[in-house]
Amino acid sequence: MTAPPLVIWGGTGHARVIREALDAQSWNVVAVFDQKDIPSPFDDVPLFVGTDGFMHWMQTSATSQAIAACVAIGGTDGRSRLDTANFLHSQGLSLPTIVHPTGFVAATAIHGDGCHVLAQAAVCANVRLGRSVIINTAASVDHDCVIGDGVHVAPGAHVAGEVVIEECAFVGTGAVVLPRVHIGAGAIIGAGAVVTKDVPARVTVAGNPARPITVDN
């Protein structure tokens, strides 16, 4: 049986990270798209630029199979990840959730479309992930957390139980979020921060204990 075709939107580091998980799940990566004219991250897959490149590829691709998509836009740009996912969905592409073979997702966890659970990451009991959530390498989300659409939990970050993280927030590399904390939409948790208290929307915090350093109005 021919492996199902999949395209990746985003041609930088996260594309290379997600490719290993895609290959392990027997997806056939057939094209990469990026807003910038950059070299493809893969020697065996061509890169096309922007929505014009995507529409041209869709019109000329010779496949009768349904095409899936993976949005490889990481970091603090969760809004762009969601907008891109919505665009691809509007063009008839599905957005499967990708789990690396060494990642763990509890049987009682629930996730939306287009999530990424990467190498050695853990999504534990009764966790709810929204759409296009990234749980990156060796990160963990403990029991009963609610993680909103477009959230990115960066490599090595640990989110304790019963935490709520709202839409498009970012938890930086190696950060720790203590139990029952509420993190607002668009907030940024700096690398290595220890979050002991609620973080308002669109506020950046850093340090141990984490304190606000900027407010985006």
C-alpha atoms as a PDB file:
ATOM      1  CA  MET A   1       0.000   0.000   0.000  1.00  0.00           C
ATOM      2  CA  THR A   2       1.324   3.446  -0.948  1.00  0.00           C
ATOM      3  CA  ALA A   3       2.111   5.711   2.006  1.00  0.00           C
ATOM      4  CA  PRO A   4      -0.375   8.586   2.281  1.00  0.00           C
ATOM      5  CA  PRO A   5       0.910  11.947   1.004  1.00  0.00           C
ATOM      6  CA  LEU A   6       1.530  14.778   3.438  1.00  0.00           C
ATOM      7  CA  VAL A   7       2.762  18.342   3.025  1.00  0.00           C
ATOM      8  CA  ILE A   8       4.592  20.415   5.622  1.00  0.00           C
ATOM      9  CA  TRP A   9       4.045  24.160   6.007  1.00  0.00           C
ATOM     10  CA  GLY A  10       7.182  25.655   7.529  1.00  0.00           C
ATOM     11  CA  GLY A  11      10.657  24.968   6.214  1.00  0.00           C
ATOM     12  CA  THR A  12      12.973  25.557   9.170  1.00  0.00           C
ATOM     13  CA  GLY A  13      13.928  23.702  12.351  1.00  0.00           C
ATOM     14  CA  HIS A  14      10.551  22.364  13.419  1.00  0.00           C
ATOM     15  CA  ALA A  15      10.082  20.747  10.013  1.00  0.00           C
ATOM     16  CA  ARG A  16      13.250  18.725  10.533  1.00  0.00           C
ATOM     17  CA  VAL A  17      12.142  17.700  14.019  1.00  0.00           C
ATOM     18  CA  ILE A  18       8.683  16.586  12.911  1.00  0.00           C
ATOM     19  CA  ARG A  19       9.976  14.687   9.851  1.00  0.00           C
ATOM     20  CA  GLU A  20      11.353  11.868  12.000  1.00  0.00           C
ATOM     21  CA  ALA A  21       7.958  11.305  13.589  1.00  0.00           C
ATOM     22  CA  LEU A  22       6.248  11.483  10.198  1.00  0.00           C
ATOM     23  CA  ASP A  23       8.583   8.888   8.721  1.00  0.00           C
ATOM     24  CA  ALA A  24       7.986   6.595  11.691  1.00  0.00           C
ATOM     25  CA  GLN A  25       4.232   6.792  11.025  1.00  0.00           C
ATOM     26  CA  SER A  26       4.801   6.038   7.308  1.00  0.00           C
ATOM     27  CA  TRP A  27       3.662   9.385   5.944  1.00  0.00           C
ATOM     28  CA  ASN A  28       5.035  10.290   2.521  1.00  0.00           C
ATOM     29  CA  VAL A  29       6.239  13.912   2.711  1.00  0.00           C
ATOM     30  CA  VAL A  30       5.745  15.246  -0.822  1.00  0.00           C
ATOM     31  CA  ALA A  31       6.146  19.029  -0.512  1.00  0.00           C
ATOM     32  CA  VAL A  32       7.238  21.776   1.879  1.00  0.00           C
ATOM     33  CA  PHE A  33       5.876  25.332   1.877  1.00  0.00           C
ATOM     34  CA  ASP A  34       7.227  28.448   3.530  1.00  0.00           C
ATOM     35  CA  GLN A  35       6.497  32.169   3.317  1.00  0.00           C
ATOM     36  CA  LYS A  36      10.187  32.785   2.577  1.00  0.00           C
ATOM     37  CA  ASP A  37      12.217  31.596  -0.398  1.00  0.00           C
ATOM     38  CA  ILE A  38      14.625  29.371   1.509  1.00  0.00           C
ATOM     39  CA  PRO A  39      16.287  26.039   0.728  1.00  0.00           C
ATOM     40  CA  SER A  40      14.182  22.984   1.471  1.00  0.00           C
ATOM     41  CA  PRO A  41      15.071  21.351   4.802  1.00  0.00           C
ATOM     42  CA  PHE A  42      15.089  17.980   3.006  1.00  0.00           C
ATOM     43  CA  ASP A  43      17.148  16.875   0.029  1.00  0.00           C
ATOM     44  CA  ASP A  44      14.319  14.652  -1.209  1.00  0.00           C
ATOM     45  CA  VAL A  45      11.397  17.119  -0.933  1.00  0.00           C
ATOM     46  CA  PRO A  46      10.927  20.363  -2.905  1.00  0.00           C
ATOM     47  CA  LEU A  47      10.010  23.662  -1.223  1.00  0.00           C
ATOM     48  CA  PHE A  48       7.451  26.090  -2.662  1.00  0.00           C
ATOM     49  CA  VAL A  49       6.959  29.699  -1.569  1.00  0.00           C
ATOM     50  CA  GLY A  50       3.795  31.101  -0.015  1.00  0.00           C
ATOM     51  CA  THR A  51       0.146  30.636  -0.830  1.00  0.00           C
ATOM     52  CA  ASP A  52       0.817  31.151  -4.549  1.00  0.00           C
ATOM     53  CA  GLY A  53       3.288  28.278  -4.504  1.00  0.00           C
ATOM     54  CA  PHE A  54       0.820  26.167  -2.562  1.00  0.00           C
ATOM     55  CA  MET A  55      -2.060  26.823  -4.945  1.00  0.00           C
ATOM     56  CA  HIS A  56       0.132  26.082  -7.968  1.00  0.00           C
ATOM     57  CA  TRP A  57       1.328  22.839  -6.385  1.00  0.00           C
ATOM     58  CA  MET A  58      -2.236  21.808  -5.566  1.00  0.00           C
ATOM     59  CA  GLN A  59      -3.306  22.422  -9.165  1.00  0.00           C
ATOM     60  CA  THR A  60      -0.408  20.471 -10.658  1.00  0.00           C
ATOM     61  CA  SER A  61       0.171  17.656  -8.132  1.00  0.00           C
ATOM     62  CA  ALA A  62      -0.628  14.295  -9.636  1.00  0.00           C
ATOM     63  CA  THR A  63      -2.235  12.347  -6.815  1.00  0.00           C
ATOM     64  CA  SER A  64      -5.667  10.858  -6.385  1.00  0.00           C
ATOM     65  CA  GLN A  65      -5.151  10.313  -2.660  1.00  0.00           C
ATOM     66  CA  ALA A  66      -6.413  12.637   0.045  1.00  0.00           C
ATOM     67  CA  ILE A  67      -3.595  14.941   1.147  1.00  0.00           C
ATOM     68  CA  ALA A  68      -2.736  15.604   4.791  1.00  0.00           C
ATOM     69  CA  ALA A  69      -0.819  18.561   6.190  1.00  0.00           C
ATOM     70  CA  CYS A  70       1.463  19.331   9.105  1.00  0.00           C
ATOM     71  CA  VAL A  71       2.094  22.923  10.231  1.00  0.00           C
ATOM     72  CA  ALA A  72       5.726  23.182  11.337  1.00  0.00           C
ATOM     73  CA  ILE A  73       5.592  26.698  12.778  1.00  0.00           C
ATOM     74  CA  GLY A  74       6.889  26.616  16.334  1.00  0.00           C
ATOM     75  CA  GLY A  75       8.004  29.141  18.911  1.00  0.00           C
ATOM     76  CA  THR A  76       5.834  32.011  20.085  1.00  0.00           C
ATOM     77  CA  ASP A  77       3.916  32.322  16.808  1.00  0.00           C
ATOM     78  CA  GLY A  78       0.931  30.186  17.728  1.00  0.00           C
ATOM     79  CA  ARG A  79      -1.462  32.554  15.942  1.00  0.00           C
ATOM     80  CA  SER A  80       0.305  31.987  12.614  1.00  0.00           C
ATOM     81  CA  ARG A  81       0.230  28.242  13.244  1.00  0.00           C
ATOM     82  CA  LEU A  82      -3.531  28.344  13.789  1.00  0.00           C
ATOM     83  CA  ASP A  83      -4.165  30.637  10.813  1.00  0.00           C
ATOM     84  CA  THR A  84      -2.113  28.369   8.556  1.00  0.00           C
ATOM     85  CA  ALA A  85      -3.919  25.287   9.828  1.00  0.00           C
ATOM     86  CA  ASN A  86      -7.266  26.951   9.117  1.00  0.00           C
ATOM     87  CA  PHE A  87      -6.144  27.847   5.592  1.00  0.00           C
ATOM     88  CA  LEU A  88      -4.992  24.296   4.841  1.00  0.00           C
ATOM     89  CA  HIS A  89      -8.222  22.878   6.226  1.00  0.00           C
ATOM     90  CA  SER A  90     -10.189  25.277   4.003  1.00  0.00           C
ATOM     91  CA  GLN A  91      -8.354  23.800   1.019  1.00  0.00           C
ATOM     92  CA  GLY A  92      -9.529  20.296   1.892  1.00  0.00           C
ATOM     93  CA  LEU A  93      -6.405  18.994   3.635  1.00  0.00           C
ATOM     94  CA  SER A  94      -6.644  17.037   6.871  1.00  0.00           C
ATOM     95  CA  LEU A  95      -4.363  17.835   9.821  1.00  0.00           C
ATOM     96  CA  PRO A  96      -3.516  14.634  11.676  1.00  0.00           C
ATOM     97  CA  THR A  97      -2.027  14.613  15.147  1.00  0.00           C
ATOM     98  CA  ILE A  98       1.547  13.323  15.012  1.00  0.00           C
ATOM     99  CA  VAL A  99       3.020  11.389  17.948  1.00  0.00           C
ATOM    100  CA  HIS A 100       6.689  10.387  17.891  1.00  0.00           C
ATOM    101  CA  PRO A 101       7.257   6.670  18.596  1.00  0.00           C
ATOM    102  CA  THR A 102       8.914   7.561  21.901  1.00  0.00           C
ATOM    103  CA  GLY A 103       6.178  10.029  22.895  1.00  0.00           C
ATOM    104  CA  PHE A 104       3.382   9.090  25.304  1.00  0.00           C
ATOM    105  CA  VAL A 105      -0.265  10.096  25.133  1.00  0.00           C
ATOM    106  CA  ALA A 106      -2.537   8.710  27.850  1.00  0.00           C
ATOM    107  CA  ALA A 107      -5.621   6.802  26.773  1.00  0.00           C
ATOM    108  CA  THR A 108      -7.783   9.335  28.619  1.00  0.00           C
ATOM    109  CA  ALA A 109      -6.180  12.380  26.975  1.00  0.00           C
ATOM    110  CA  ILE A 110      -8.132  14.271  24.299  1.00  0.00           C
ATOM    111  CA  HIS A 111      -6.549  16.272  21.509  1.00  0.00           C
ATOM    112  CA  GLY A 112      -7.667  18.439  18.621  1.00  0.00           C
ATOM    113  CA  ASP A 113      -6.447  18.294  15.038  1.00  0.00           C
ATOM    114  CA  GLY A 114      -2.851  18.964  14.108  1.00  0.00           C
ATOM    115  CA  CYS A 115      -1.112  18.445  17.449  1.00  0.00           C
ATOM    116  CA  HIS A 116       2.534  17.346  17.700  1.00  0.00           C
ATOM    117  CA  VAL A 117       3.792  15.192  20.575  1.00  0.00           C
ATOM    118  CA  LEU A 118       7.495  14.807  19.928  1.00  0.00           C
ATOM    119  CA  ALA A 119      10.320  12.555  21.095  1.00  0.00           C
ATOM    120  CA  GLN A 120      10.119  11.512  24.784  1.00  0.00           C
ATOM    121  CA  ALA A 121       7.265  13.944  25.446  1.00  0.00           C
ATOM    122  CA  ALA A 122       4.367  12.936  27.716  1.00  0.00           C
ATOM    123  CA  VAL A 123       0.712  13.923  27.703  1.00  0.00           C
ATOM    124  CA  CYS A 124      -0.805  12.407  30.829  1.00  0.00           C
ATOM    125  CA  ALA A 125      -4.204  11.348  32.156  1.00  0.00           C
ATOM    126  CA  ASN A 126      -7.259  13.478  31.370  1.00  0.00           C
ATOM    127  CA  VAL A 127      -5.284  16.182  29.590  1.00  0.00           C
ATOM    128  CA  ARG A 128      -7.183  18.175  26.956  1.00  0.00           C
ATOM    129  CA  LEU A 129      -5.150  19.596  24.090  1.00  0.00           C
ATOM    130  CA  GLY A 130      -6.712  22.058  21.676  1.00  0.00           C
ATOM    131  CA  ARG A 131      -5.903  22.327  17.984  1.00  0.00           C
ATOM    132  CA  SER A 132      -2.345  22.680  16.657  1.00  0.00           C
ATOM    133  CA  VAL A 133      -0.680  22.270  20.058  1.00  0.00           C
ATOM    134  CA  ILE A 134       3.029  21.387  20.186  1.00  0.00           C
ATOM    135  CA  ILE A 135       4.380  19.327  23.083  1.00  0.00           C
ATOM    136  CA  ASN A 136       8.025  19.406  22.137  1.00  0.00           C
ATOM    137  CA  THR A 137      10.980  17.112  22.805  1.00  0.00           C
ATOM    138  CA  ALA A 138      11.058  15.714  26.372  1.00  0.00           C
ATOM    139  CA  ALA A 139       8.322  18.100  27.558  1.00  0.00           C
ATOM    140  CA  SER A 140       5.527  16.878  29.820  1.00  0.00           C
ATOM    141  CA  VAL A 141       1.954  17.891  30.565  1.00  0.00           C
ATOM    142  CA  ASP A 142       0.610  16.236  33.694  1.00  0.00           C
ATOM    143  CA  HIS A 143      -2.894  15.130  34.641  1.00  0.00           C
ATOM    144  CA  ASP A 144      -6.056  17.186  34.100  1.00  0.00           C
ATOM    145  CA  CYS A 145      -4.402  20.088  32.295  1.00  0.00           C
ATOM    146  CA  VAL A 146      -6.335  22.102  29.709  1.00  0.00           C
ATOM    147  CA  ILE A 147      -4.109  23.370  26.900  1.00  0.00           C
ATOM    148  CA  GLY A 148      -5.631  25.837  24.427  1.00  0.00           C
ATOM    149  CA  ASP A 149      -5.366  26.051  20.657  1.00  0.00           C
ATOM    150  CA  GLY A 150      -1.951  27.007  19.282  1.00  0.00           C
ATOM    151  CA  VAL A 151      -0.017  26.548  22.540  1.00  0.00           C
ATOM    152  CA  HIS A 152       3.646  25.474  22.314  1.00  0.00           C
ATOM    153  CA  VAL A 153       5.300  23.716  25.262  1.00  0.00           C
ATOM    154  CA  ALA A 154       8.997  23.888  24.373  1.00  0.00           C
ATOM    155  CA  PRO A 155      11.669  21.181  24.827  1.00  0.00           C
ATOM    156  CA  GLY A 156      12.199  20.020  28.397  1.00  0.00           C
ATOM    157  CA  ALA A 157       9.404  22.132  29.870  1.00  0.00           C
ATOM    158  CA  HIS A 158       7.195  20.558  32.541  1.00  0.00           C
ATOM    159  CA  VAL A 159       3.598  21.521  33.188  1.00  0.00           C
ATOM    160  CA  ALA A 160       2.257  20.126  36.476  1.00  0.00           C
ATOM    161  CA  GLY A 161      -1.279  18.880  37.064  1.00  0.00           C
ATOM    162  CA  GLU A 162      -4.498  20.892  36.693  1.00  0.00           C
ATOM    163  CA  VAL A 163      -2.853  23.784  34.865  1.00  0.00           C
ATOM    164  CA  VAL A 164      -4.837  25.839  32.324  1.00  0.00           C
ATOM    165  CA  ILE A 165      -2.918  27.394  29.441  1.00  0.00           C
ATOM    166  CA  GLU A 166      -4.982  29.549  27.123  1.00  0.00           C
ATOM    167  CA  GLU A 167      -4.750  29.998  23.367  1.00  0.00           C
ATOM    168  CA  CYS A 168      -1.386  30.691  21.694  1.00  0.00           C
ATOM    169  CA  ALA A 169       0.638  30.922  24.918  1.00  0.00           C
ATOM    170  CA  PHE A 170       4.249  29.712  24.889  1.00  0.00           C
ATOM    171  CA  VAL A 171       6.078  27.811  27.639  1.00  0.00           C
ATOM    172  CA  GLY A 172       9.837  28.149  27.098  1.00  0.00           C
ATOM    173  CA  THR A 173      12.569  25.536  27.143  1.00  0.00           C
ATOM    174  CA  GLY A 174      13.091  23.987  30.568  1.00  0.00           C
ATOM    175  CA  ALA A 175      10.372  26.020  32.263  1.00  0.00           C
ATOM    176  CA  VAL A 176       8.323  24.548  35.108  1.00  0.00           C
ATOM    177  CA  VAL A 177       4.685  25.445  35.691  1.00  0.00           C
ATOM    178  CA  LEU A 178       3.420  24.463  39.154  1.00  0.00           C
ATOM    179  CA  PRO A 179       0.000  22.859  39.797  1.00  0.00           C
ATOM    180  CA  ARG A 180      -3.276  24.718  39.260  1.00  0.00           C
ATOM    181  CA  VAL A 181      -1.658  27.792  37.691  1.00  0.00           C
ATOM    182  CA  HIS A 182      -3.620  29.642  34.991  1.00  0.00           C
ATOM    183  CA  ILE A 183      -1.660  31.086  32.052  1.00  0.00           C
ATOM    184  CA  GLY A 184      -3.507  33.607  29.902  1.00  0.00           C
ATOM    185  CA  ALA A 185      -3.803  33.747  26.122  1.00  0.00           C
ATOM    186  CA  GLY A 186      -0.644  34.826  24.321  1.00  0.00           C
ATOM    187  CA  ALA A 187       1.487  34.812  27.472  1.00  0.00           C
ATOM    188  CA  ILE A 188       5.159  33.886  27.147  1.00  0.00           C
ATOM    189  CA  ILE A 189       6.981  31.886  29.816  1.00  0.00           C
ATOM    190  CA  GLY A 190      10.728  32.410  29.529  1.00  0.00           C
ATOM    191  CA  ALA A 191      13.234  29.575  29.318  1.00  0.00           C
ATOM    192  CA  GLY A 192      13.956  28.031  32.713  1.00  0.00           C
ATOM    193  CA  ALA A 193      11.253  30.018  34.491  1.00  0.00           C
ATOM    194  CA  VAL A 194       9.448  28.556  37.508  1.00  0.00           C
ATOM    195  CA  VAL A 195       5.839  29.692  37.389  1.00  0.00           C
ATOM    196  CA  THR A 196       4.234  29.704  40.834  1.00  0.00           C
ATOM    197  CA  LYS A 197       1.356  32.135  40.213  1.00  0.00           C
ATOM    198  CA  ASP A 198      -1.187  32.899  37.501  1.00  0.00           C
ATOM    199  CA  VAL A 199       0.122  34.760  34.434  1.00  0.00           C
ATOM    200  CA  PRO A 200      -2.207  37.293  32.751  1.00  0.00           C
ATOM    201  CA  ALA A 201      -2.829  37.258  29.018  1.00  0.00           C
ATOM    202  CA  ARG A 202      -0.052  38.620  26.767  1.00  0.00           C
ATOM    203  CA  VAL A 203       2.418  39.015  29.626  1.00  0.00           C
ATOM    204  CA  THR A 204       5.990  37.708  29.436  1.00  0.00           C
ATOM    205  CA  VAL A 205       7.471  36.269  32.627  1.00  0.00           C
ATOM    206  CA  ALA A 206      10.923  34.954  33.465  1.00  0.00           C
ATOM    207  CA  GLY A 207      13.015  33.875  36.436  1.00  0.00           C
ATOM    208  CA  ASN A 208      12.569  31.788  39.573  1.00  0.00           C
ATOM    209  CA  PRO A 209       9.988  32.563  40.747  1.00  0.00           C
ATOM    210  CA  ALA A 210       8.697  33.915  37.439  1.00  0.00           C
ATOM    211  CA  ARG A 211       7.942  37.643  37.339  1.00  0.00           C
ATOM    212  CA  PRO A 212       6.589  39.877  34.561  1.00  0.00           C
ATOM    213  CA  ILE A 213       9.142  41.555  32.357  1.00  0.00           C
ATOM    214  CA  THR A 214       6.987  42.990  29.538  1.00  0.00           C
ATOM    215  CA  VAL A 215       3.334  43.633  28.842  1.00  0.00           C
ATOM    216  CA  ASP A 216       2.074  43.671  25.243  1.00  0.00           C
ATOM    217  CA  ASN A 217      -0.802  46.089  24.938  1.00  0.00           C
END
